[in-house]
């Protein structure tokens, strides 16, 4: 390939803060906190990356990397700093108003910035981005970007499953209608998440909602455990329930580990966090063996917390 990014741009992307975890594991709350940090630009589940990631290994490594890095640095970083590509919807949890000071936002929107003004600030900033439901691609991605500062959010099975059921994410309505909920592999009469193996589809469709959620949890944590066995993968693992009980201590330790500093709204967000109670609710109508296996997988991940 003839083209390449500035060395500084590639280095910033390679050292990004990558927030991952199974869905409903507290990744959005943690993303909000990371976004509040000084000189950090954080992006919520970038859709293009969710489409690009399944292509890892199918296209040449250098081509994948320039697409990945150009998107994060040029399309997101270089456009969010001058206020051209930021979420201004105050009702969204990922809105910039929920993580950055109002004066800073107004400064971004106060004039038109030239590229020569944006670039010096961009190369002094950090990129952060959140992704869920991508664990099946994670091992190859780690090989491409071993220096990323990965934060892995984990949560007890009961808490995740209860939260998923409340959202009805694995209901028949989601699977048998073109709801647009996920990036799907399509069947003849149904939509299927891409983390399912081909030989698992029929079994998955016959399950009830709770068992589908447990099956998803099992798939995610199996992949996390495979990645944790890699020598080059040393994520910061944070248990969501532990975090909600002691957010100040755990997040202070997190920022020291990733070498970033609190922003003007960081403490305000931390003060708003309440102890999570959804994990205490009992599941109903579920496969006991499936739940027990999910608990074992969770405990393996939990035992890896430093």
Protein backbone atom coordinates (compact mmCIF):
# COMPACT_ATOMS: atom_id res chain seq x y z
CA UNK A 1 0.00 0.00 0.00
CA UNK A 2 1.36 3.42 -1.02
CA UNK A 3 -0.30 5.43 1.71
CA UNK A 4 0.41 5.67 5.42
CA UNK A 5 -0.59 7.94 8.28
CA UNK A 6 1.68 10.27 10.15
CA UNK A 7 3.83 8.32 12.57
CA UNK A 8 2.33 10.30 15.47
CA UNK A 9 -1.21 9.39 14.40
CA UNK A 10 -0.43 5.65 14.22
CA UNK A 11 1.24 5.78 17.63
CA UNK A 12 -1.77 7.49 19.21
CA UNK A 13 -4.17 4.87 17.81
CA UNK A 14 -1.85 2.02 18.83
CA UNK A 15 -1.88 3.38 22.40
CA UNK A 16 -5.65 3.94 22.53
CA UNK A 17 -7.78 3.14 25.56
CA UNK A 18 -9.97 0.21 24.51
CA UNK A 19 -13.04 -0.41 26.69
CA UNK A 20 -14.52 -3.88 26.18
CA UNK A 21 -16.89 -6.28 27.88
CA UNK A 22 -20.11 -8.20 27.40
CA UNK A 23 -23.09 -5.96 26.83
CA UNK A 24 -24.81 -4.73 30.04
CA UNK A 25 -21.57 -5.05 32.03
CA UNK A 26 -21.11 -1.38 32.89
CA UNK A 27 -19.11 -0.43 29.80
CA UNK A 28 -21.26 2.66 29.08
CA UNK A 29 -20.78 4.08 32.57
CA UNK A 30 -17.06 3.44 32.39
CA UNK A 31 -16.92 4.98 28.93
CA UNK A 32 -18.52 8.13 30.34
CA UNK A 33 -15.85 8.33 33.04
CA UNK A 34 -13.00 7.74 30.58
CA UNK A 35 -14.49 10.39 28.30
CA UNK A 36 -14.41 12.88 31.19
CA UNK A 37 -10.63 12.60 31.55
CA UNK A 38 -8.41 15.49 30.55
CA UNK A 39 -7.29 15.40 26.89
CA UNK A 40 -9.15 12.15 26.18
CA UNK A 41 -11.52 11.84 23.22
CA UNK A 42 -13.84 8.86 23.68
CA UNK A 43 -16.06 7.23 21.05
CA UNK A 44 -19.11 5.08 21.77
CA UNK A 45 -19.22 1.80 19.81
CA UNK A 46 -18.05 3.21 16.45
CA UNK A 47 -20.25 1.56 13.84
CA UNK A 48 -17.59 1.46 11.12
CA UNK A 49 -15.19 -0.41 13.41
CA UNK A 50 -17.92 -2.96 14.18
CA UNK A 51 -18.20 -3.60 10.44
CA UNK A 52 -14.43 -3.54 9.90
CA UNK A 53 -13.43 -5.84 12.76
CA UNK A 54 -14.99 -9.02 11.30
CA UNK A 55 -12.74 -8.47 8.26
CA UNK A 56 -9.58 -8.83 10.36
CA UNK A 57 -7.60 -11.69 8.89
CA UNK A 58 -9.57 -11.52 5.64
CA UNK A 59 -7.78 -8.46 4.28
CA UNK A 60 -4.03 -7.73 4.42
CA UNK A 61 -2.85 -6.52 7.81
CA UNK A 62 -1.49 -3.18 6.54
CA UNK A 63 -4.74 -2.41 4.74
CA UNK A 64 -6.78 -3.21 7.85
CA UNK A 65 -4.54 -1.03 9.97
CA UNK A 66 -4.63 2.03 7.73
CA UNK A 67 -8.44 1.82 7.54
CA UNK A 68 -8.70 1.36 11.30
CA UNK A 69 -6.20 4.06 12.20
CA UNK A 70 -7.40 6.59 9.61
CA UNK A 71 -10.95 6.23 10.88
CA UNK A 72 -10.08 6.70 14.55
CA UNK A 73 -7.58 9.50 14.08
CA UNK A 74 -8.78 11.38 11.00
CA UNK A 75 -12.55 10.80 11.07
CA UNK A 76 -13.05 10.84 14.82
CA UNK A 77 -10.18 12.57 16.66
CA UNK A 78 -9.53 15.31 14.10
CA UNK A 79 -13.26 16.01 13.86
CA UNK A 80 -14.28 15.80 17.51
CA UNK A 81 -11.65 18.25 18.80
CA UNK A 82 -13.09 21.15 16.72
CA UNK A 83 -16.68 20.07 17.50
CA UNK A 84 -17.53 18.76 14.03
CA UNK A 85 -18.31 15.19 15.05
CA UNK A 86 -19.57 15.12 18.65
CA UNK A 87 -22.80 13.95 20.25
CA UNK A 88 -24.72 17.04 21.37
CA UNK A 89 -27.89 15.16 22.36
CA UNK A 90 -28.06 15.81 26.11
CA UNK A 91 -30.45 12.88 26.60
CA UNK A 92 -27.84 10.33 25.48
CA UNK A 93 -25.52 8.95 28.14
CA UNK A 94 -22.69 9.21 25.61
CA UNK A 95 -23.41 12.92 24.99
CA UNK A 96 -20.36 15.14 25.34
CA UNK A 97 -22.38 17.24 27.79
CA UNK A 98 -22.27 14.31 30.22
CA UNK A 99 -18.48 14.11 30.26
CA UNK A 100 -16.96 17.47 29.29
CA UNK A 101 -17.24 20.91 30.88
CA UNK A 102 -19.73 23.26 29.20
CA UNK A 103 -17.07 25.94 28.63
CA UNK A 104 -14.85 23.43 26.85
CA UNK A 105 -17.74 22.42 24.57
CA UNK A 106 -18.54 26.05 23.83
CA UNK A 107 -14.89 26.65 22.99
CA UNK A 108 -14.96 23.85 20.44
CA UNK A 109 -18.09 25.31 18.87
CA UNK A 110 -16.99 28.97 19.01
CA UNK A 111 -15.31 29.13 15.60
CA UNK A 112 -14.11 27.23 12.54
CA UNK A 113 -10.73 25.58 13.13
CA UNK A 114 -8.05 24.94 10.52
CA UNK A 115 -6.34 21.56 10.30
CA UNK A 116 -3.05 23.18 11.27
CA UNK A 117 -4.69 24.26 14.56
CA UNK A 118 -6.28 20.87 15.26
CA UNK A 119 -3.33 18.55 14.59
CA UNK A 120 -0.99 19.82 17.37
CA UNK A 121 -3.76 19.30 19.94
CA UNK A 122 -4.69 15.91 18.50
CA UNK A 123 -1.19 14.46 18.87
CA UNK A 124 -1.17 15.53 22.54
CA UNK A 125 -4.50 13.81 23.24
CA UNK A 126 -5.56 10.21 23.78
CA UNK A 127 -8.17 8.21 21.89
CA UNK A 128 -10.59 5.97 23.78
CA UNK A 129 -13.34 3.83 22.32
CA UNK A 130 -15.85 1.32 23.58
CA UNK A 131 -16.82 -1.96 21.91
CA UNK A 132 -19.10 -4.81 22.97
CA UNK A 133 -19.91 -8.14 21.33
CA UNK A 134 -16.53 -8.26 19.57
CA UNK A 135 -14.75 -10.87 21.71
CA UNK A 136 -14.59 -13.41 18.85
CA UNK A 137 -12.27 -11.05 16.95
CA UNK A 138 -10.23 -9.94 19.94
CA UNK A 139 -7.30 -12.36 19.72
CA UNK A 140 -6.29 -11.26 16.22
CA UNK A 141 -6.88 -7.63 17.14
CA UNK A 142 -4.53 -7.97 20.14
CA UNK A 143 -1.86 -9.26 17.78
CA UNK A 144 -2.27 -6.14 15.63
CA UNK A 145 -2.35 -3.70 18.57
CA UNK A 146 -0.61 -5.21 21.62
CA UNK A 147 0.14 -1.79 23.17
CA UNK A 148 -3.47 -0.68 23.55
CA UNK A 149 -4.57 0.13 27.08
CA UNK A 150 -7.42 -2.35 27.37
CA UNK A 151 -10.04 -2.10 30.10
CA UNK A 152 -12.15 -5.25 30.41
CA UNK A 153 -15.41 -4.84 32.34
CA UNK A 154 -16.81 -8.04 33.84
CA UNK A 155 -20.01 -8.61 35.76
CA UNK A 156 -21.71 -11.53 37.50
CA UNK A 157 -23.98 -13.57 35.19
CA UNK A 158 -27.16 -12.75 37.12
CA UNK A 159 -26.66 -9.00 36.72
CA UNK A 160 -25.98 -9.20 32.99
CA UNK A 161 -28.82 -11.62 32.26
CA UNK A 162 -31.39 -9.66 34.25
CA UNK A 163 -30.38 -6.48 32.46
CA UNK A 164 -30.51 -8.13 29.01
CA UNK A 165 -33.94 -9.60 29.75
CA UNK A 166 -35.25 -6.18 30.78
CA UNK A 167 -34.18 -4.87 27.36
CA UNK A 168 -35.64 -7.95 25.61
CA UNK A 169 -32.54 -8.14 23.45
CA UNK A 170 -32.89 -11.88 22.81
CA UNK A 171 -36.66 -11.97 22.45
CA UNK A 172 -38.35 -13.61 19.47
CA UNK A 173 -39.35 -10.13 18.36
CA UNK A 174 -35.69 -9.15 18.02
CA UNK A 175 -34.65 -12.35 16.30
CA UNK A 176 -37.56 -12.84 13.92
CA UNK A 177 -38.09 -9.23 12.86
CA UNK A 178 -35.72 -6.87 11.09
CA UNK A 179 -35.30 -4.73 14.21
CA UNK A 180 -31.82 -3.44 13.39
CA UNK A 181 -30.65 -4.28 16.92
CA UNK A 182 -27.35 -5.85 15.85
CA UNK A 183 -25.12 -6.40 12.89
CA UNK A 184 -26.71 -9.68 11.94
CA UNK A 185 -26.01 -12.76 9.96
CA UNK A 186 -29.36 -13.31 8.28
CA UNK A 187 -31.27 -16.60 8.13
CA UNK A 188 -34.24 -17.26 5.89
CA UNK A 189 -36.80 -16.08 8.44
CA UNK A 190 -34.69 -14.73 11.27
CA UNK A 191 -31.72 -12.55 12.22
CA UNK A 192 -28.77 -14.04 14.06
CA UNK A 193 -25.93 -12.33 16.02
CA UNK A 194 -22.53 -12.86 14.38
CA UNK A 195 -20.96 -14.33 17.52
CA UNK A 196 -22.96 -17.53 17.01
CA UNK A 197 -21.22 -20.44 15.31
CA UNK A 198 -23.07 -21.94 12.35
CA UNK A 199 -23.74 -25.20 14.21
CA UNK A 200 -25.23 -23.32 17.19
CA UNK A 201 -27.98 -21.41 15.38
CA UNK A 202 -30.84 -23.91 15.51
CA UNK A 203 -30.13 -24.69 19.16
CA UNK A 204 -30.06 -20.97 19.99
CA UNK A 205 -33.40 -20.27 18.28
CA UNK A 206 -35.11 -23.02 20.28
CA UNK A 207 -33.96 -21.54 23.62
CA UNK A 208 -36.02 -19.18 25.75
CA UNK A 209 -34.87 -15.58 26.27
CA UNK A 210 -32.95 -16.24 29.48
CA UNK A 211 -31.03 -19.18 28.07
CA UNK A 212 -30.18 -17.20 24.94
CA UNK A 213 -28.73 -14.48 27.16
CA UNK A 214 -26.78 -17.08 29.15
CA UNK A 215 -25.51 -18.61 25.92
CA UNK A 216 -24.31 -15.19 24.80
CA UNK A 217 -22.59 -14.60 28.16
CA UNK A 218 -20.90 -17.99 27.92
CA UNK A 219 -19.60 -17.22 24.43
CA UNK A 220 -18.18 -13.84 25.47
CA UNK A 221 -16.41 -15.09 28.59
CA UNK A 222 -14.93 -18.11 26.82
CA UNK A 223 -13.33 -15.70 24.37
CA UNK A 224 -12.12 -13.38 27.15
CA UNK A 225 -10.45 -16.32 28.90
CA UNK A 226 -8.71 -17.39 25.68
CA UNK A 227 -7.34 -13.86 25.33
CA UNK A 228 -6.21 -13.72 28.95
CA UNK A 229 -3.92 -16.66 28.21
CA UNK A 230 -2.00 -14.57 25.68
CA UNK A 231 1.28 -13.19 27.07
CA UNK A 232 0.93 -9.88 25.23
CA UNK A 233 -2.60 -9.25 26.56
CA UNK A 234 -2.57 -7.58 29.95
CA UNK A 235 -5.89 -5.78 30.35
CA UNK A 236 -7.04 -3.88 33.38
CA UNK A 237 -9.96 -6.04 34.58
CA UNK A 238 -12.72 -4.31 36.54
CA UNK A 239 -15.70 -6.01 38.10
CA UNK A 240 -18.76 -3.79 37.69
CA UNK A 241 -20.36 -4.70 41.02
CA UNK A 242 -17.12 -4.07 42.90
CA UNK A 243 -16.77 -0.79 41.06
CA UNK A 244 -20.21 0.52 42.03
CA UNK A 245 -19.41 -0.22 45.69
CA UNK A 246 -16.15 1.73 45.64
CA UNK A 247 -15.99 3.88 42.49
CA UNK A 248 -13.55 6.51 43.80
CA UNK A 249 -10.84 4.06 44.80
CA UNK A 250 -11.15 1.83 41.73
CA UNK A 251 -11.29 4.66 39.21
CA UNK A 252 -8.38 6.46 40.85
CA UNK A 253 -6.37 3.26 40.46
CA UNK A 254 -7.57 2.96 36.86
CA UNK A 255 -6.35 6.42 35.88
CA UNK A 256 -2.95 5.71 37.43
CA UNK A 257 -2.70 2.49 35.42
CA UNK A 258 -3.59 4.13 32.12
CA UNK A 259 -1.62 7.30 32.99
CA UNK A 260 -4.44 9.81 32.45
CA UNK A 261 -5.74 12.66 34.62
CA UNK A 262 -9.16 13.59 35.95
CA UNK A 263 -11.14 16.19 34.02
CA UNK A 264 -13.53 18.81 35.37
CA UNK A 265 -16.56 16.46 35.50
CA UNK A 266 -14.86 13.23 36.60
CA UNK A 267 -15.56 13.62 40.32
CA UNK A 268 -19.15 14.70 39.63
CA UNK A 269 -19.77 11.50 37.66
CA UNK A 270 -18.17 9.39 40.39
CA UNK A 271 -20.42 10.97 43.02
CA UNK A 272 -23.50 10.04 40.98
CA UNK A 273 -22.73 6.30 40.94
CA UNK A 274 -25.01 4.11 43.01
CA UNK A 275 -24.44 0.55 44.21
CA UNK A 276 -25.82 -1.86 41.65
CA UNK A 277 -28.58 -4.15 42.93
CA UNK A 278 -29.78 -5.95 39.79
CA UNK A 279 -27.38 -8.85 40.38
CA UNK A 280 -29.39 -9.76 43.47
CA UNK A 281 -32.57 -10.47 41.51
CA UNK A 282 -33.25 -14.16 40.97
CA UNK A 283 -33.37 -15.54 37.46
CA UNK A 284 -36.40 -17.56 36.42
CA UNK A 285 -36.92 -20.23 33.78
CA UNK A 286 -33.30 -21.03 32.94
CA UNK A 287 -30.95 -23.93 32.26
CA UNK A 288 -29.16 -24.57 35.56
CA UNK A 289 -26.10 -26.15 33.92
CA UNK A 290 -25.74 -23.18 31.61
CA UNK A 291 -25.88 -20.76 34.51
CA UNK A 292 -23.35 -22.79 36.50
CA UNK A 293 -20.96 -22.76 33.56
CA UNK A 294 -21.37 -19.00 33.21
CA UNK A 295 -20.55 -18.59 36.90
CA UNK A 296 -17.38 -20.66 36.52
CA UNK A 297 -16.25 -18.61 33.54
CA UNK A 298 -16.93 -15.40 35.44
CA UNK A 299 -14.93 -16.64 38.43
CA UNK A 300 -11.96 -17.44 36.18
CA UNK A 301 -12.01 -13.87 34.84
CA UNK A 302 -12.52 -12.44 38.33
CA UNK A 303 -9.49 -14.38 39.61
CA UNK A 304 -7.37 -12.54 37.03
CA UNK A 305 -8.04 -9.14 38.62
CA UNK A 306 -4.79 -7.68 39.93
